[in-house]
Amino acid sequence: MDAKITKQRLGNFLSYDWLKILIAIAAAAVALSLFFTMVGTRPTEAQSFEVYGYFDVTTGSDFNGLSDDLDKKDAFSYEMLTVTSESFSLENYGSTVYTARRSAGEGTVMFLTDFVTYDEEGKLKEDSVLKSLTANALVDSDRTGGGFFDTAYFMESSRAYLARFFGEDLTAELDEKAAEESFLARNNRDKRFLSESKKQKGIEQEKARLIKLKADYLAVEAAFGRGALTHRIVEDENGKTHSAGIGVGNLKGISNLFYYKNGEEIATADLALVVFYNNYGKQNELRYDTLSFLSYLVEKYG
């Protein structure tokens, strides 16, 4: 049998079977994509840090490069696998998109405004966006149902979390055994750490994460102490006050990230940041990596 490949035979093959070749190539590409998707590490919601801008704020010049800048500055630990930012606009179905995001448990923090409007007679015309969204949906030591953290409670919880590893006053050396136990409890099935050597590397990364997180917490606490950050207070329907958001208007460069319009003027005095309350299950402690974002804001804009 003459099986020699000639130009004529090759030409005939390509003429009649080119479609089969394209289909085979496409099928192979899909198969490879599925393979790497299955064996690769897919970020959980707890490992995705998502920065939102609500309808009432406008993005500044730094917004589009926020994810890259956070990555370049190593703002987050090894546990944050993706960092994204999104601004919602009422003109572009923003309300629908925002509702869908939150229904899926997405979102870590969000910028919005905290100012009230009055009519010509000086009577209250409209509550602030911060109050409207959060007043009856805040989670604190007394209330577990809600979509937002009481920010004072968030700071208290952050300190309590870090105290597990550094002692009550946060001055002790890192408890390495506690750090290892925490890592193994959280990441025992993580595809990144299946081998023993990778697991040991992960434990060292966890120690570095906790040390950095303590430094970030102290930086944020100091920012509250000097007034660079503030707790924005709202009153719920029962007359009880809560720390509904973090005022970032005293960070003088924050307009490069978000701002709002006061008439024709760019304003940030009543710009606030809310922290979403998400139930991440055994990865709940990753919610405290929000401290690293707050520390980044203070360092870059304060």
Protein backbone atom coordinates (compact mmCIF):
# COMPACT_ATOMS: atom_id res chain seq x y z
CA MET A 1 0.00 0.00 0.00
CA ASP A 2 1.41 3.34 -1.04
CA ALA A 3 1.10 5.60 2.04
CA LYS A 4 3.59 8.22 0.88
CA ILE A 5 2.52 11.79 1.63
CA THR A 6 2.56 13.93 -1.46
CA LYS A 7 1.59 17.52 -2.11
CA GLN A 8 -1.45 16.31 -4.05
CA ARG A 9 -2.63 14.01 -1.25
CA LEU A 10 -2.02 16.66 1.40
CA GLY A 11 -3.93 19.18 -0.68
CA ASN A 12 -6.84 16.83 -1.11
CA PHE A 13 -6.88 16.06 2.60
CA LEU A 14 -6.93 19.74 3.55
CA SER A 15 -9.56 20.50 0.91
CA TYR A 16 -12.03 17.92 2.18
CA ASP A 17 -11.20 17.66 5.91
CA TRP A 18 -10.33 21.23 6.98
CA LEU A 19 -13.61 21.56 8.88
CA LYS A 20 -12.87 18.37 10.83
CA ILE A 21 -9.44 19.74 11.70
CA LEU A 22 -10.89 23.02 13.02
CA ILE A 23 -13.49 21.13 15.07
CA ALA A 24 -10.77 18.88 16.53
CA ILE A 25 -8.62 21.89 17.47
CA ALA A 26 -11.59 23.66 19.09
CA ALA A 27 -12.54 20.50 21.02
CA ALA A 28 -8.97 20.11 22.26
CA ALA A 29 -8.89 23.77 23.40
CA VAL A 30 -12.18 23.35 25.29
CA ALA A 31 -10.95 20.15 26.90
CA LEU A 32 -7.72 21.81 28.05
CA SER A 33 -9.65 24.79 29.41
CA LEU A 34 -11.97 22.49 31.38
CA PHE A 35 -9.00 20.50 32.68
CA PHE A 36 -7.16 23.54 34.04
CA THR A 37 -10.41 24.90 35.49
CA MET A 38 -11.00 21.66 37.36
CA VAL A 39 -7.47 21.25 38.72
CA GLY A 40 -6.85 24.95 39.39
CA THR A 41 -7.79 26.91 42.49
CA ARG A 42 -11.06 28.77 42.11
CA PRO A 43 -11.35 31.72 44.50
CA THR A 44 -14.14 31.45 47.03
CA GLU A 45 -16.19 34.54 47.81
CA ALA A 46 -14.10 35.00 50.95
CA GLN A 47 -10.96 35.05 48.79
CA SER A 48 -12.36 37.72 46.49
CA PHE A 49 -12.11 41.33 47.60
CA GLU A 50 -14.70 43.47 45.84
CA VAL A 51 -14.86 47.26 46.11
CA TYR A 52 -18.14 48.88 45.11
CA GLY A 53 -19.25 52.44 44.48
CA TYR A 54 -22.96 53.10 45.09
CA PHE A 55 -25.21 55.13 42.79
CA ASP A 56 -24.58 58.41 44.60
CA VAL A 57 -20.80 58.56 44.16
CA THR A 58 -18.57 59.20 41.17
CA THR A 59 -15.31 57.44 40.41
CA GLY A 60 -12.04 59.36 40.40
CA SER A 61 -8.91 58.97 38.32
CA ASP A 62 -7.52 56.15 40.49
CA PHE A 63 -10.58 53.92 40.25
CA ASN A 64 -9.77 52.00 37.08
CA GLY A 65 -6.28 51.18 38.34
CA LEU A 66 -7.32 50.30 41.89
CA SER A 67 -6.92 46.53 41.56
CA ASP A 68 -3.48 46.86 39.97
CA ASP A 69 -2.33 49.34 42.60
CA LEU A 70 -3.47 47.11 45.46
CA ASP A 71 -1.59 44.23 43.84
CA LYS A 72 1.55 46.31 43.22
CA LYS A 73 1.63 47.45 46.84
CA ASP A 74 1.00 43.91 48.17
CA ALA A 75 -1.91 45.31 50.16
CA PHE A 76 -3.46 41.90 50.74
CA SER A 77 -2.26 38.55 51.96
CA TYR A 78 -1.88 35.36 49.95
CA GLU A 79 -5.52 34.56 50.71
CA MET A 80 -6.98 37.30 48.49
CA LEU A 81 -6.86 35.64 45.09
CA THR A 82 -8.86 38.25 43.18
CA VAL A 83 -9.42 41.98 43.69
CA THR A 84 -12.09 43.77 41.67
CA SER A 85 -13.84 47.14 41.69
CA GLU A 86 -17.23 48.13 40.31
CA SER A 87 -19.27 51.31 40.23
CA PHE A 88 -23.03 51.19 39.90
CA SER A 89 -24.99 53.72 37.88
CA LEU A 90 -28.73 54.16 37.80
CA GLU A 91 -28.46 54.99 34.11
CA ASN A 92 -26.90 51.59 33.37
CA TYR A 93 -29.22 49.28 35.31
CA GLY A 94 -27.03 49.75 38.38
CA SER A 95 -29.85 48.98 40.79
CA THR A 96 -30.51 45.61 39.17
CA VAL A 97 -26.82 44.73 39.06
CA TYR A 98 -26.24 45.75 42.68
CA THR A 99 -29.21 43.68 43.86
CA ALA A 100 -27.94 40.68 41.92
CA ARG A 101 -24.43 41.04 43.35
CA ARG A 102 -25.67 41.18 46.93
CA SER A 103 -28.16 38.36 46.42
CA ALA A 104 -25.18 36.22 45.42
CA GLY A 105 -23.26 37.28 48.55
CA GLU A 106 -20.77 39.35 46.55
CA GLY A 107 -19.19 42.60 47.68
CA THR A 108 -16.74 43.36 50.49
CA VAL A 109 -16.87 47.14 50.95
CA MET A 110 -18.77 49.99 49.30
CA PHE A 111 -18.40 53.76 49.07
CA LEU A 112 -21.51 55.95 49.43
CA THR A 113 -22.63 59.27 50.90
CA ASP A 114 -23.84 60.26 54.35
CA PHE A 115 -25.56 63.62 54.14
CA VAL A 116 -29.19 64.57 54.63
CA THR A 117 -31.15 67.03 52.52
CA TYR A 118 -33.58 69.67 53.80
CA ASP A 119 -36.36 71.61 52.14
CA GLU A 120 -36.53 75.41 51.90
CA GLU A 121 -38.10 75.60 55.35
CA GLY A 122 -35.27 73.66 56.92
CA LYS A 123 -37.28 70.49 57.43
CA LEU A 124 -35.80 67.08 56.74
CA LYS A 125 -36.46 66.18 53.12
CA GLU A 126 -34.47 62.98 52.74
CA ASP A 127 -32.27 60.80 54.97
CA SER A 128 -28.73 60.06 53.94
CA VAL A 129 -28.04 57.11 51.67
CA LEU A 130 -25.99 55.55 54.45
CA LYS A 131 -28.89 55.66 56.88
CA SER A 132 -31.44 54.52 54.31
CA LEU A 133 -29.39 51.43 53.47
CA THR A 134 -28.03 50.40 56.84
CA ALA A 135 -30.05 51.76 59.79
CA ASN A 136 -32.07 48.57 60.26
CA ALA A 137 -29.61 46.15 58.64
CA LEU A 138 -26.53 46.36 60.85
CA VAL A 139 -24.81 43.46 62.57
CA ASP A 140 -23.34 44.09 66.02
CA SER A 141 -23.00 42.27 69.35
CA ASP A 142 -26.76 42.45 69.90
CA ARG A 143 -28.03 41.83 66.38
CA THR A 144 -26.99 39.07 64.00
CA GLY A 145 -29.33 39.72 61.08
CA GLY A 146 -28.30 42.31 58.54
CA GLY A 147 -26.20 42.95 55.49
CA PHE A 148 -23.68 45.41 56.96
CA PHE A 149 -21.26 45.46 59.87
CA ASP A 150 -21.60 48.03 62.59
CA THR A 151 -18.13 49.43 61.99
CA ALA A 152 -17.25 49.92 65.67
CA TYR A 153 -18.24 46.28 66.20
CA PHE A 154 -16.13 45.29 63.19
CA MET A 155 -13.07 46.91 64.78
CA GLU A 156 -13.82 45.23 68.11
CA SER A 157 -14.19 41.86 66.37
CA SER A 158 -10.95 42.43 64.48
CA ARG A 159 -9.08 43.07 67.71
CA ALA A 160 -10.61 39.97 69.32
CA TYR A 161 -9.54 37.90 66.31
CA LEU A 162 -5.96 39.16 66.47
CA ALA A 163 -5.86 38.64 70.24
CA ARG A 164 -6.06 34.90 69.58
CA PHE A 165 -2.58 35.12 68.10
CA PHE A 166 -0.91 38.10 69.82
CA GLY A 167 -2.49 38.24 73.28
CA GLU A 168 -5.12 40.61 74.65
CA ASP A 169 -2.98 43.73 74.30
CA LEU A 170 -1.55 42.61 70.93
CA THR A 171 2.02 42.98 72.18
CA ALA A 172 2.99 39.30 72.46
CA GLU A 173 4.94 37.42 69.81
CA LEU A 174 2.85 35.54 67.28
CA ASP A 175 1.52 32.26 68.66
CA GLU A 176 2.82 30.07 65.83
CA LYS A 177 0.91 26.99 66.94
CA ALA A 178 -2.37 28.92 66.92
CA ALA A 179 -1.50 30.30 63.47
CA GLU A 180 -0.81 26.80 62.15
CA GLU A 181 -4.03 25.41 63.61
CA SER A 182 -6.01 28.27 62.12
CA PHE A 183 -4.43 27.71 58.70
CA LEU A 184 -5.08 23.97 58.69
CA ALA A 185 -8.69 24.38 59.81
CA ARG A 186 -9.35 26.84 57.01
CA ASN A 187 -7.28 25.40 54.18
CA ASN A 188 -7.19 21.64 54.74
CA ARG A 189 -8.88 21.06 51.35
CA ASP A 190 -7.36 23.95 49.42
CA LYS A 191 -5.82 22.70 46.15
CA ARG A 192 -2.88 25.06 46.68
CA PHE A 193 -1.68 23.11 49.72
CA LEU A 194 -2.23 19.41 49.01
CA SER A 195 1.40 18.30 49.35
CA GLU A 196 3.23 18.47 52.67
CA SER A 197 5.85 20.91 51.35
CA LYS A 198 3.19 23.27 49.99
CA LYS A 199 1.28 22.99 53.24
CA GLN A 200 4.35 24.08 55.19
CA LYS A 201 4.81 27.00 52.80
CA GLY A 202 1.18 27.94 53.35
CA ILE A 203 1.67 27.93 57.12
CA GLU A 204 4.56 30.39 56.75
CA GLN A 205 2.35 32.57 54.53
CA GLU A 206 -0.33 32.47 57.21
CA LYS A 207 2.14 33.69 59.84
CA ALA A 208 3.12 36.57 57.55
CA ARG A 209 -0.57 37.31 56.94
CA LEU A 210 -1.31 37.60 60.65
CA ILE A 211 1.71 39.78 61.36
CA LYS A 212 0.73 42.15 58.55
CA LEU A 213 -2.90 42.12 59.63
CA LYS A 214 -1.92 43.22 63.12
CA ALA A 215 0.14 46.08 61.67
CA ASP A 216 -2.79 47.09 59.47
CA TYR A 217 -5.17 47.01 62.42
CA LEU A 218 -2.87 49.24 64.49
CA ALA A 219 -2.54 51.67 61.56
CA VAL A 220 -6.32 51.86 61.16
CA GLU A 221 -6.87 52.21 64.91
CA ALA A 222 -4.36 55.07 64.96
CA ALA A 223 -6.19 56.70 62.02
CA PHE A 224 -9.42 56.61 64.04
CA GLY A 225 -7.55 58.06 67.00
CA ARG A 226 -6.34 61.12 65.10
CA GLY A 227 -9.59 61.64 63.19
CA ALA A 228 -8.38 60.59 59.75
CA LEU A 229 -11.13 57.96 59.89
CA THR A 230 -14.40 58.32 61.81
CA HIS A 231 -17.41 56.19 62.63
CA ARG A 232 -20.52 57.61 60.98
CA ILE A 233 -23.46 57.36 63.38
CA VAL A 234 -27.05 56.65 62.35
CA GLU A 235 -30.21 56.06 64.36
CA ASP A 236 -32.47 53.08 63.72
CA GLU A 237 -36.27 52.98 63.91
CA ASN A 238 -36.09 52.32 67.65
CA GLY A 239 -33.94 55.35 68.33
CA LYS A 240 -30.80 53.29 68.94
CA THR A 241 -27.57 54.65 67.47
CA HIS A 242 -25.11 52.59 65.46
CA SER A 243 -21.79 53.06 63.71
CA ALA A 244 -23.08 52.44 60.24
CA GLY A 245 -20.02 53.28 58.17
CA ILE A 246 -16.51 54.64 58.20
CA GLY A 247 -16.13 58.30 57.31
CA VAL A 248 -13.24 58.70 54.85
CA GLY A 249 -13.80 62.36 53.97
CA ASN A 250 -10.80 63.47 56.03
CA LEU A 251 -8.45 61.54 53.76
CA LYS A 252 -7.50 64.52 51.63
CA GLY A 253 -6.75 62.59 48.45
CA ILE A 254 -9.75 60.28 48.53
CA SER A 255 -11.48 62.21 45.72
CA ASN A 256 -9.02 60.50 43.37
CA LEU A 257 -10.88 57.29 44.14
CA PHE A 258 -14.49 58.40 44.84
CA TYR A 259 -16.32 61.68 45.34
CA TYR A 260 -19.78 63.19 45.04
CA LYS A 261 -21.07 66.50 43.70
CA ASN A 262 -22.17 69.33 45.97
CA GLY A 263 -23.73 71.54 43.35
CA GLU A 264 -20.95 71.89 40.82
CA GLU A 265 -18.20 71.27 43.37
CA ILE A 266 -16.39 67.99 44.00
CA ALA A 267 -16.95 67.00 47.63
CA THR A 268 -15.80 64.22 49.97
CA ALA A 269 -16.65 65.52 53.46
CA ASP A 270 -19.59 63.13 53.80
CA LEU A 271 -18.09 60.21 51.90
CA ALA A 272 -18.38 56.95 53.81
CA LEU A 273 -17.38 53.32 53.46
CA VAL A 274 -19.62 50.43 54.53
CA VAL A 275 -18.40 46.92 55.29
CA PHE A 276 -20.68 44.17 54.06
CA TYR A 277 -21.56 41.35 56.42
CA ASN A 278 -21.13 38.06 54.56
CA ASN A 279 -21.23 34.58 56.03
CA TYR A 280 -18.16 32.80 54.66
CA GLY A 281 -18.48 29.72 56.88
CA LYS A 282 -15.11 28.35 57.94
CA GLN A 283 -13.44 31.19 56.03
CA ASN A 284 -15.16 33.89 58.09
CA GLU A 285 -11.85 35.10 59.49
CA LEU A 286 -10.88 36.31 56.01
CA ARG A 287 -13.38 39.15 56.48
CA TYR A 288 -10.73 40.82 58.66
CA ASP A 289 -8.47 41.24 55.63
CA THR A 290 -10.64 44.33 55.06
CA LEU A 291 -8.26 45.95 57.57
CA SER A 292 -5.59 45.79 54.89
CA PHE A 293 -7.77 47.78 52.51
CA LEU A 294 -8.48 50.39 55.17
CA SER A 295 -4.77 50.64 55.93
CA TYR A 296 -4.10 51.10 52.20
CA LEU A 297 -6.59 53.97 52.03
CA VAL A 298 -4.99 55.70 55.02
CA GLU A 299 -1.48 55.30 53.63
CA LYS A 300 -2.29 56.35 50.07
CA TYR A 301 -4.82 59.12 50.65
CA GLY A 302 -4.36 60.23 54.25
